[in-house]
Amino acid sequence: METFIGTFVVFVSLFVLMSIGYIVKRKAVSGSCGGLANVGVDKECDCPEPCDKRKAREAQAQREQDYQQNRII
């Protein structure tokens, strides 16, 4: 039980310190290297084509973009 309480206290203190850092600097927590795009990886998996959910999202985004460009009013 002491290990659990100690771990909990450490995590809560880290969250408090990150919160104070955000309040003081007004800068969100960010990664150190910028992610996979900086190392030349376009997507996380090696699939030859995107999954159905991603295709649907991209199609919806394209429809919204076309609507914004072609609307009359």
PDB file of N, CA and C in Angstrom:
ATOM      1  N   MET A   1       0.822  -1.185   0.000  1.00  0.00           N
ATOM      2  CA  MET A   1       0.000   0.000   0.000  1.00  0.00           C
ATOM      3  C   MET A   1       0.874   1.260   0.000  1.00  0.00           C
ATOM      4  N   GLU A   2       2.032   1.179   0.660  1.00  0.00           N
ATOM      5  CA  GLU A   2       2.923   2.338   0.693  1.00  0.00           C
ATOM      6  C   GLU A   2       3.447   2.665  -0.703  1.00  0.00           C
ATOM      7  N   THR A   3       3.695   1.624  -1.493  1.00  0.00           N
ATOM      8  CA  THR A   3       4.170   1.842  -2.864  1.00  0.00           C
ATOM      9  C   THR A   3       3.112   2.555  -3.692  1.00  0.00           C
ATOM     10  N   PHE A   4       1.866   2.146  -3.542  1.00  0.00           N
ATOM     11  CA  PHE A   4       0.776   2.786  -4.279  1.00  0.00           C
ATOM     12  C   PHE A   4       0.655   4.254  -3.892  1.00  0.00           C
ATOM     13  N   ILE A   5       0.672   4.539  -2.612  1.00  0.00           N
ATOM     14  CA  ILE A   5       0.532   5.921  -2.147  1.00  0.00           C
ATOM     15  C   ILE A   5       1.720   6.757  -2.617  1.00  0.00           C
ATOM     16  N   GLY A   6       2.929   6.201  -2.545  1.00  0.00           N
ATOM     17  CA  GLY A   6       4.102   6.926  -3.014  1.00  0.00           C
ATOM     18  C   GLY A   6       4.040   7.221  -4.499  1.00  0.00           C
ATOM     19  N   THR A   7       3.638   6.227  -5.283  1.00  0.00           N
ATOM     20  CA  THR A   7       3.500   6.419  -6.729  1.00  0.00           C
ATOM     21  C   THR A   7       2.433   7.450  -7.045  1.00  0.00           C
ATOM     22  N   PHE A   8       1.323   7.384  -6.341  1.00  0.00           N
ATOM     23  CA  PHE A   8       0.236   8.340  -6.549  1.00  0.00           C
ATOM     24  C   PHE A   8       0.704   9.760  -6.241  1.00  0.00           C
ATOM     25  N   VAL A   9       1.426   9.933  -5.153  1.00  0.00           N
ATOM     26  CA  VAL A   9       1.930  11.257  -4.777  1.00  0.00           C
ATOM     27  C   VAL A   9       2.891  11.779  -5.838  1.00  0.00           C
ATOM     28  N   VAL A  10       3.756  10.922  -6.355  1.00  0.00           N
ATOM     29  CA  VAL A  10       4.703  11.342  -7.395  1.00  0.00           C
ATOM     30  C   VAL A  10       3.954  11.793  -8.650  1.00  0.00           C
ATOM     31  N   PHE A  11       2.970  11.012  -9.086  1.00  0.00           N
ATOM     32  CA  PHE A  11       2.213  11.384 -10.286  1.00  0.00           C
ATOM     33  C   PHE A  11       1.437  12.676 -10.085  1.00  0.00           C
ATOM     34  N   VAL A  12       0.801  12.824  -8.947  1.00  0.00           N
ATOM     35  CA  VAL A  12       0.044  14.057  -8.685  1.00  0.00           C
ATOM     36  C   VAL A  12       0.986  15.249  -8.651  1.00  0.00           C
ATOM     37  N   SER A  13       2.147  15.092  -8.034  1.00  0.00           N
ATOM     38  CA  SER A  13       3.090  16.211  -7.985  1.00  0.00           C
ATOM     39  C   SER A  13       3.593  16.567  -9.388  1.00  0.00           C
ATOM     40  N   LEU A  14       3.811  15.565 -10.250  1.00  0.00           N
ATOM     41  CA  LEU A  14       4.222  15.860 -11.625  1.00  0.00           C
ATOM     42  C   LEU A  14       3.134  16.615 -12.387  1.00  0.00           C
ATOM     43  N   PHE A  15       1.888  16.212 -12.200  1.00  0.00           N
ATOM     44  CA  PHE A  15       0.794  16.923 -12.848  1.00  0.00           C
ATOM     45  C   PHE A  15       0.697  18.357 -12.344  1.00  0.00           C
ATOM     46  N   VAL A  16       0.890  18.552 -11.058  1.00  0.00           N
ATOM     47  CA  VAL A  16       0.850  19.903 -10.495  1.00  0.00           C
ATOM     48  C   VAL A  16       1.984  20.745 -11.069  1.00  0.00           C
ATOM     49  N   LEU A  17       3.182  20.188 -11.153  1.00  0.00           N
ATOM     50  CA  LEU A  17       4.307  20.930 -11.707  1.00  0.00           C
ATOM     51  C   LEU A  17       4.092  21.266 -13.185  1.00  0.00           C
ATOM     52  N   MET A  18       3.547  20.330 -13.963  1.00  0.00           N
ATOM     53  CA  MET A  18       3.252  20.624 -15.373  1.00  0.00           C
ATOM     54  C   MET A  18       2.184  21.697 -15.485  1.00  0.00           C
ATOM     55  N   SER A  19       1.205  21.679 -14.597  1.00  0.00           N
ATOM     56  CA  SER A  19       0.159  22.700 -14.616  1.00  0.00           C
ATOM     57  C   SER A  19       0.740  24.072 -14.313  1.00  0.00           C
ATOM     58  N   ILE A  20       1.605  24.128 -13.338  1.00  0.00           N
ATOM     59  CA  ILE A  20       2.246  25.408 -13.004  1.00  0.00           C
ATOM     60  C   ILE A  20       3.079  25.899 -14.186  1.00  0.00           C
ATOM     61  N   GLY A  21       3.797  25.001 -14.825  1.00  0.00           N
ATOM     62  CA  GLY A  21       4.576  25.382 -16.002  1.00  0.00           C
ATOM     63  C   GLY A  21       3.703  25.909 -17.117  1.00  0.00           C
ATOM     64  N   TYR A  22       2.542  25.306 -17.319  1.00  0.00           N
ATOM     65  CA  TYR A  22       1.628  25.788 -18.359  1.00  0.00           C
ATOM     66  C   TYR A  22       1.089  27.162 -17.997  1.00  0.00           C
ATOM     67  N   ILE A  23       0.718  27.342 -16.749  1.00  0.00           N
ATOM     68  CA  ILE A  23       0.172  28.630 -16.319  1.00  0.00           C
ATOM     69  C   ILE A  23       1.212  29.732 -16.462  1.00  0.00           C
ATOM     70  N   VAL A  24       2.450  29.451 -16.111  1.00  0.00           N
ATOM     71  CA  VAL A  24       3.496  30.466 -16.158  1.00  0.00           C
ATOM     72  C   VAL A  24       3.900  30.789 -17.599  1.00  0.00           C
ATOM     73  N   LYS A  25       4.126  29.778 -18.425  1.00  0.00           N
ATOM     74  CA  LYS A  25       4.637  30.011 -19.779  1.00  0.00           C
ATOM     75  C   LYS A  25       3.548  30.115 -20.836  1.00  0.00           C
ATOM     76  N   ARG A  26       2.340  29.645 -20.550  1.00  0.00           N
ATOM     77  CA  ARG A  26       1.244  29.615 -21.531  1.00  0.00           C
ATOM     78  C   ARG A  26       1.631  28.863 -22.788  1.00  0.00           C
ATOM     79  N   LYS A  27       2.411  27.820 -22.614  1.00  0.00           N
ATOM     80  CA  LYS A  27       2.837  27.001 -23.737  1.00  0.00           C
ATOM     81  C   LYS A  27       2.468  25.552 -23.444  1.00  0.00           C
ATOM     82  N   ALA A  28       1.821  24.906 -24.385  1.00  0.00           N
ATOM     83  CA  ALA A  28       1.387  23.526 -24.189  1.00  0.00           C
ATOM     84  C   ALA A  28       2.589  22.579 -24.202  1.00  0.00           C
ATOM     85  N   VAL A  29       2.426  21.436 -23.592  1.00  0.00           N
ATOM     86  CA  VAL A  29       3.452  20.408 -23.596  1.00  0.00           C
ATOM     87  C   VAL A  29       3.576  19.867 -25.015  1.00  0.00           C
ATOM     88  N   SER A  30       4.793  19.758 -25.531  1.00  0.00           N
ATOM     89  CA  SER A  30       4.989  19.277 -26.893  1.00  0.00           C
ATOM     90  C   SER A  30       6.089  18.233 -26.917  1.00  0.00           C
ATOM     91  N   GLY A  31       6.123  17.492 -27.987  1.00  0.00           N
ATOM     92  CA  GLY A  31       7.139  16.461 -28.139  1.00  0.00           C
ATOM     93  C   GLY A  31       8.511  17.057 -28.388  1.00  0.00           C
ATOM     94  N   SER A  32       9.527  16.269 -28.192  1.00  0.00           N
ATOM     95  CA  SER A  32      10.882  16.795 -28.328  1.00  0.00           C
ATOM     96  C   SER A  32      11.395  16.747 -29.770  1.00  0.00           C
ATOM     97  N   CYS A  33      10.904  15.799 -30.569  1.00  0.00           N
ATOM     98  CA  CYS A  33      11.476  15.660 -31.909  1.00  0.00           C
ATOM     99  C   CYS A  33      10.476  15.982 -33.014  1.00  0.00           C
ATOM    100  N   GLY A  34       9.225  16.229 -32.718  1.00  0.00           N
ATOM    101  CA  GLY A  34       8.274  16.591 -33.744  1.00  0.00           C
ATOM    102  C   GLY A  34       7.504  15.436 -34.342  1.00  0.00           C
ATOM    103  N   GLY A  35       7.735  14.239 -33.909  1.00  0.00           N
ATOM    104  CA  GLY A  35       6.952  13.109 -34.374  1.00  0.00           C
ATOM    105  C   GLY A  35       7.566  12.376 -35.546  1.00  0.00           C
ATOM    106  N   LEU A  36       6.768  11.513 -36.131  1.00  0.00           N
ATOM    107  CA  LEU A  36       7.250  10.650 -37.206  1.00  0.00           C
ATOM    108  C   LEU A  36       7.502  11.393 -38.513  1.00  0.00           C
ATOM    109  N   ALA A  37       6.854  12.539 -38.701  1.00  0.00           N
ATOM    110  CA  ALA A  37       7.019  13.272 -39.947  1.00  0.00           C
ATOM    111  C   ALA A  37       8.468  13.742 -40.133  1.00  0.00           C
ATOM    112  N   ASN A  38       9.161  14.006 -39.051  1.00  0.00           N
ATOM    113  CA  ASN A  38      10.545  14.477 -39.156  1.00  0.00           C
ATOM    114  C   ASN A  38      11.528  13.385 -39.536  1.00  0.00           C
ATOM    115  N   VAL A  39      11.139  12.138 -39.388  1.00  0.00           N
ATOM    116  CA  VAL A  39      12.031  11.047 -39.772  1.00  0.00           C
ATOM    117  C   VAL A  39      11.623  10.412 -41.094  1.00  0.00           C
ATOM    118  N   GLY A  40      10.684  11.033 -41.808  1.00  0.00           N
ATOM    119  CA  GLY A  40      10.304  10.559 -43.128  1.00  0.00           C
ATOM    120  C   GLY A  40       9.220   9.507 -43.163  1.00  0.00           C
ATOM    121  N   VAL A  41       8.484   9.314 -42.084  1.00  0.00           N
ATOM    122  CA  VAL A  41       7.410   8.333 -42.051  1.00  0.00           C
ATOM    123  C   VAL A  41       6.085   9.062 -42.259  1.00  0.00           C
ATOM    124  N   ASP A  42       5.350   8.696 -43.322  1.00  0.00           N
ATOM    125  CA  ASP A  42       4.093   9.366 -43.627  1.00  0.00           C
ATOM    126  C   ASP A  42       2.943   8.851 -42.773  1.00  0.00           C
ATOM    127  N   LYS A  43       2.973   7.576 -42.436  1.00  0.00           N
ATOM    128  CA  LYS A  43       1.908   7.002 -41.617  1.00  0.00           C
ATOM    129  C   LYS A  43       2.498   5.944 -40.697  1.00  0.00           C
ATOM    130  N   GLU A  44       1.744   5.579 -39.679  1.00  0.00           N
ATOM    131  CA  GLU A  44       2.247   4.693 -38.645  1.00  0.00           C
ATOM    132  C   GLU A  44       2.372   3.244 -39.089  1.00  0.00           C
ATOM    133  N   CYS A  45       1.565   2.828 -40.030  1.00  0.00           N
ATOM    134  CA  CYS A  45       1.601   1.428 -40.445  1.00  0.00           C
ATOM    135  C   CYS A  45       2.181   1.303 -41.858  1.00  0.00           C
ATOM    136  N   ASP A  46       2.414   0.086 -42.279  1.00  0.00           N
ATOM    137  CA  ASP A  46       2.960  -0.162 -43.614  1.00  0.00           C
ATOM    138  C   ASP A  46       1.881  -0.612 -44.601  1.00  0.00           C
ATOM    139  N   CYS A  47       0.650  -0.233 -44.348  1.00  0.00           N
ATOM    140  CA  CYS A  47      -0.456  -0.629 -45.217  1.00  0.00           C
ATOM    141  C   CYS A  47      -0.307   0.042 -46.583  1.00  0.00           C
ATOM    142  N   PRO A  48      -0.631  -0.671 -47.658  1.00  0.00           N
ATOM    143  CA  PRO A  48      -0.503  -0.067 -48.984  1.00  0.00           C
ATOM    144  C   PRO A  48      -1.535   1.024 -49.232  1.00  0.00           C
ATOM    145  N   GLU A  49      -2.683   0.951 -48.583  1.00  0.00           N
ATOM    146  CA  GLU A  49      -3.688   2.001 -48.720  1.00  0.00           C
ATOM    147  C   GLU A  49      -4.370   2.216 -47.370  1.00  0.00           C
ATOM    148  N   PRO A  50      -4.956   3.401 -47.168  1.00  0.00           N
ATOM    149  CA  PRO A  50      -5.539   3.714 -45.855  1.00  0.00           C
ATOM    150  C   PRO A  50      -6.770   2.861 -45.545  1.00  0.00           C
ATOM    151  N   CYS A  51      -7.113   2.809 -44.262  1.00  0.00           N
ATOM    152  CA  CYS A  51      -8.271   2.027 -43.831  1.00  0.00           C
ATOM    153  C   CYS A  51      -9.574   2.737 -44.224  1.00  0.00           C
ATOM    154  N   ASP A  52     -10.687   2.040 -44.069  1.00  0.00           N
ATOM    155  CA  ASP A  52     -11.987   2.578 -44.471  1.00  0.00           C
ATOM    156  C   ASP A  52     -12.367   3.827 -43.689  1.00  0.00           C
ATOM    157  N   LYS A  53     -12.055   3.853 -42.389  1.00  0.00           N
ATOM    158  CA  LYS A  53     -12.386   5.036 -41.586  1.00  0.00           C
ATOM    159  C   LYS A  53     -11.630   6.262 -42.085  1.00  0.00           C
ATOM    160  N   ARG A  54     -10.352   6.087 -42.404  1.00  0.00           N
ATOM    161  CA  ARG A  54      -9.569   7.218 -42.889  1.00  0.00           C
ATOM    162  C   ARG A  54     -10.069   7.670 -44.262  1.00  0.00           C
ATOM    163  N   LYS A  55     -10.414   6.716 -45.124  1.00  0.00           N
ATOM    164  CA  LYS A  55     -10.966   7.079 -46.432  1.00  0.00           C
ATOM    165  C   LYS A  55     -12.246   7.881 -46.272  1.00  0.00           C
ATOM    166  N   ALA A  56     -13.106   7.465 -45.332  1.00  0.00           N
ATOM    167  CA  ALA A  56     -14.365   8.176 -45.099  1.00  0.00           C
ATOM    168  C   ALA A  56     -14.094   9.582 -44.570  1.00  0.00           C
ATOM    169  N   ARG A  57     -13.132   9.715 -43.649  1.00  0.00           N
ATOM    170  CA  ARG A  57     -12.781  11.038 -43.110  1.00  0.00           C
ATOM    171  C   ARG A  57     -12.247  11.950 -44.203  1.00  0.00           C
ATOM    172  N   GLU A  58     -11.376  11.422 -45.039  1.00  0.00           N
ATOM    173  CA  GLU A  58     -10.807  12.230 -46.123  1.00  0.00           C
ATOM    174  C   GLU A  58     -11.871  12.616 -47.136  1.00  0.00           C
ATOM    175  N   ALA A  59     -12.792  11.702 -47.431  1.00  0.00           N
ATOM    176  CA  ALA A  59     -13.870  12.010 -48.370  1.00  0.00           C
ATOM    177  C   ALA A  59     -14.784  13.088 -47.801  1.00  0.00           C
ATOM    178  N   GLN A  60     -15.098  13.003 -46.507  1.00  0.00           N
ATOM    179  CA  GLN A  60     -15.940  14.012 -45.869  1.00  0.00           C
ATOM    180  C   GLN A  60     -15.249  15.369 -45.880  1.00  0.00           C
ATOM    181  N   ALA A  61     -13.961  15.402 -45.594  1.00  0.00           N
ATOM    182  CA  ALA A  61     -13.215  16.658 -45.620  1.00  0.00           C
ATOM    183  C   ALA A  61     -13.196  17.246 -47.026  1.00  0.00           C
ATOM    184  N   GLN A  62     -13.043  16.394 -48.032  1.00  0.00           N
ATOM    185  CA  GLN A  62     -13.047  16.874 -49.414  1.00  0.00           C
ATOM    186  C   GLN A  62     -14.406  17.436 -49.798  1.00  0.00           C
ATOM    187  N   ARG A  63     -15.488  16.751 -49.377  1.00  0.00           N
ATOM    188  CA  ARG A  63     -16.841  17.258 -49.661  1.00  0.00           C
ATOM    189  C   ARG A  63     -17.066  18.612 -49.012  1.00  0.00           C
ATOM    190  N   GLU A  64     -16.625  18.776 -47.760  1.00  0.00           N
ATOM    191  CA  GLU A  64     -16.786  20.060 -47.085  1.00  0.00           C
ATOM    192  C   GLU A  64     -15.974  21.153 -47.769  1.00  0.00           C
ATOM    193  N   GLN A  65     -14.769  20.812 -48.210  1.00  0.00           N
ATOM    194  CA  GLN A  65     -13.935  21.782 -48.906  1.00  0.00           C
ATOM    195  C   GLN A  65     -14.580  22.178 -50.243  1.00  0.00           C
ATOM    196  N   ASP A  66     -15.095  21.205 -50.986  1.00  0.00           N
ATOM    197  CA  ASP A  66     -15.763  21.499 -52.249  1.00  0.00           C
ATOM    198  C   ASP A  66     -16.997  22.366 -52.019  1.00  0.00           C
ATOM    199  N   TYR A  67     -17.738  22.085 -50.956  1.00  0.00           N
ATOM    200  CA  TYR A  67     -18.931  22.865 -50.634  1.00  0.00           C
ATOM    201  C   TYR A  67     -18.550  24.315 -50.341  1.00  0.00           C
ATOM    202  N   GLN A  68     -17.496  24.514 -49.567  1.00  0.00           N
ATOM    203  CA  GLN A  68     -17.076  25.878 -49.223  1.00  0.00           C
ATOM    204  C   GLN A  68     -16.604  26.636 -50.462  1.00  0.00           C
ATOM    205  N   GLN A  69     -15.956  25.961 -51.386  1.00  0.00           N
ATOM    206  CA  GLN A  69     -15.443  26.628 -52.583  1.00  0.00           C
ATOM    207  C   GLN A  69     -16.542  26.911 -53.599  1.00  0.00           C
ATOM    208  N   ASN A  70     -17.581  26.063 -53.654  1.00  0.00           N
ATOM    209  CA  ASN A  70     -18.582  26.165 -54.717  1.00  0.00           C
ATOM    210  C   ASN A  70     -19.914  26.713 -54.279  1.00  0.00           C
ATOM    211  N   ARG A  71     -20.040  27.148 -53.037  1.00  0.00           N
ATOM    212  CA  ARG A  71     -21.351  27.649 -52.606  1.00  0.00           C
ATOM    213  C   ARG A  71     -21.604  29.032 -53.192  1.00  0.00           C
ATOM    214  N   ILE A  72     -22.848  29.355 -53.386  1.00  0.00           N
ATOM    215  CA  ILE A  72     -23.234  30.587 -54.039  1.00  0.00           C
ATOM    216  C   ILE A  72     -23.233  31.767 -53.067  1.00  0.00           C
ATOM    217  N   ILE A  73     -23.739  31.555 -51.910  1.00  0.00           N
ATOM    218  CA  ILE A  73     -23.832  32.648 -50.924  1.00  0.00           C
ATOM    219  C   ILE A  73     -22.662  32.641 -50.000  1.00  0.00           C
TER     220      ILE A  73
END
